[in-house]
Amino acid sequence: MSFLRRNRAAVTLLAAAALCLALGIWRGETETVFRKAVNICMECIGLG
């Protein structure tokens, strides 16, 4: 329990990040993010 008291802010931010990730997956945004990442990589390599 002392770990949670000492690191309350870190645990809160970690929980908020996990919630945002779960919400994004639930809304189906993973495909959009993946598509944008592929396009950026293709532009940097010079294939697109």
Protein backbone atom coordinates (compact mmCIF):
# COMPACT_ATOMS: atom_id res chain seq x y z
CA MET A 1 0.00 0.00 0.00
CA SER A 2 2.89 2.37 0.62
CA PHE A 3 3.87 2.05 -3.05
CA LEU A 4 0.49 3.41 -4.13
CA ARG A 5 0.69 6.29 -1.67
CA ARG A 6 4.16 7.32 -2.79
CA ASN A 7 3.37 7.06 -6.49
CA ARG A 8 -0.26 8.18 -6.57
CA ALA A 9 0.26 10.58 -9.50
CA ALA A 10 2.09 7.99 -11.58
CA VAL A 11 -0.56 5.34 -10.92
CA THR A 12 -3.33 7.81 -11.78
CA LEU A 13 -1.67 8.77 -15.07
CA LEU A 14 -1.07 5.12 -15.92
CA ALA A 15 -4.74 4.31 -15.30
CA ALA A 16 -5.82 7.29 -17.43
CA ALA A 17 -3.53 6.15 -20.25
CA ALA A 18 -4.91 2.61 -20.10
CA LEU A 19 -8.45 3.99 -20.19
CA CYS A 20 -7.65 6.12 -23.26
CA LEU A 21 -6.07 3.14 -25.03
CA ALA A 22 -9.09 0.97 -24.29
CA LEU A 23 -11.47 3.69 -25.49
CA GLY A 24 -9.54 4.08 -28.75
CA ILE A 25 -9.58 0.34 -29.38
CA TRP A 26 -13.29 0.17 -28.57
CA ARG A 27 -14.02 2.98 -31.05
CA GLY A 28 -12.06 1.19 -33.79
CA GLU A 29 -9.36 3.79 -34.20
CA THR A 30 -6.53 1.26 -34.42
CA GLU A 31 -6.96 0.88 -38.18
CA THR A 32 -6.82 4.64 -38.71
CA VAL A 33 -3.67 5.00 -36.62
CA PHE A 34 -2.02 2.07 -38.39
CA ARG A 35 -2.87 3.48 -41.82
CA LYS A 36 -1.40 6.88 -40.92
CA ALA A 37 1.74 5.25 -39.53
CA VAL A 38 2.22 3.26 -42.74
CA ASN A 39 1.78 6.38 -44.87
CA ILE A 40 4.31 8.33 -42.81
CA CYS A 41 6.84 5.50 -43.01
CA MET A 42 6.38 5.17 -46.76
CA GLU A 43 6.98 8.91 -47.20
CA CYS A 44 10.13 8.84 -45.09
CA ILE A 45 11.57 5.87 -46.99
CA GLY A 46 10.61 7.45 -50.27
CA LEU A 47 8.40 4.70 -51.63
CA GLY A 48 5.22 6.75 -51.56
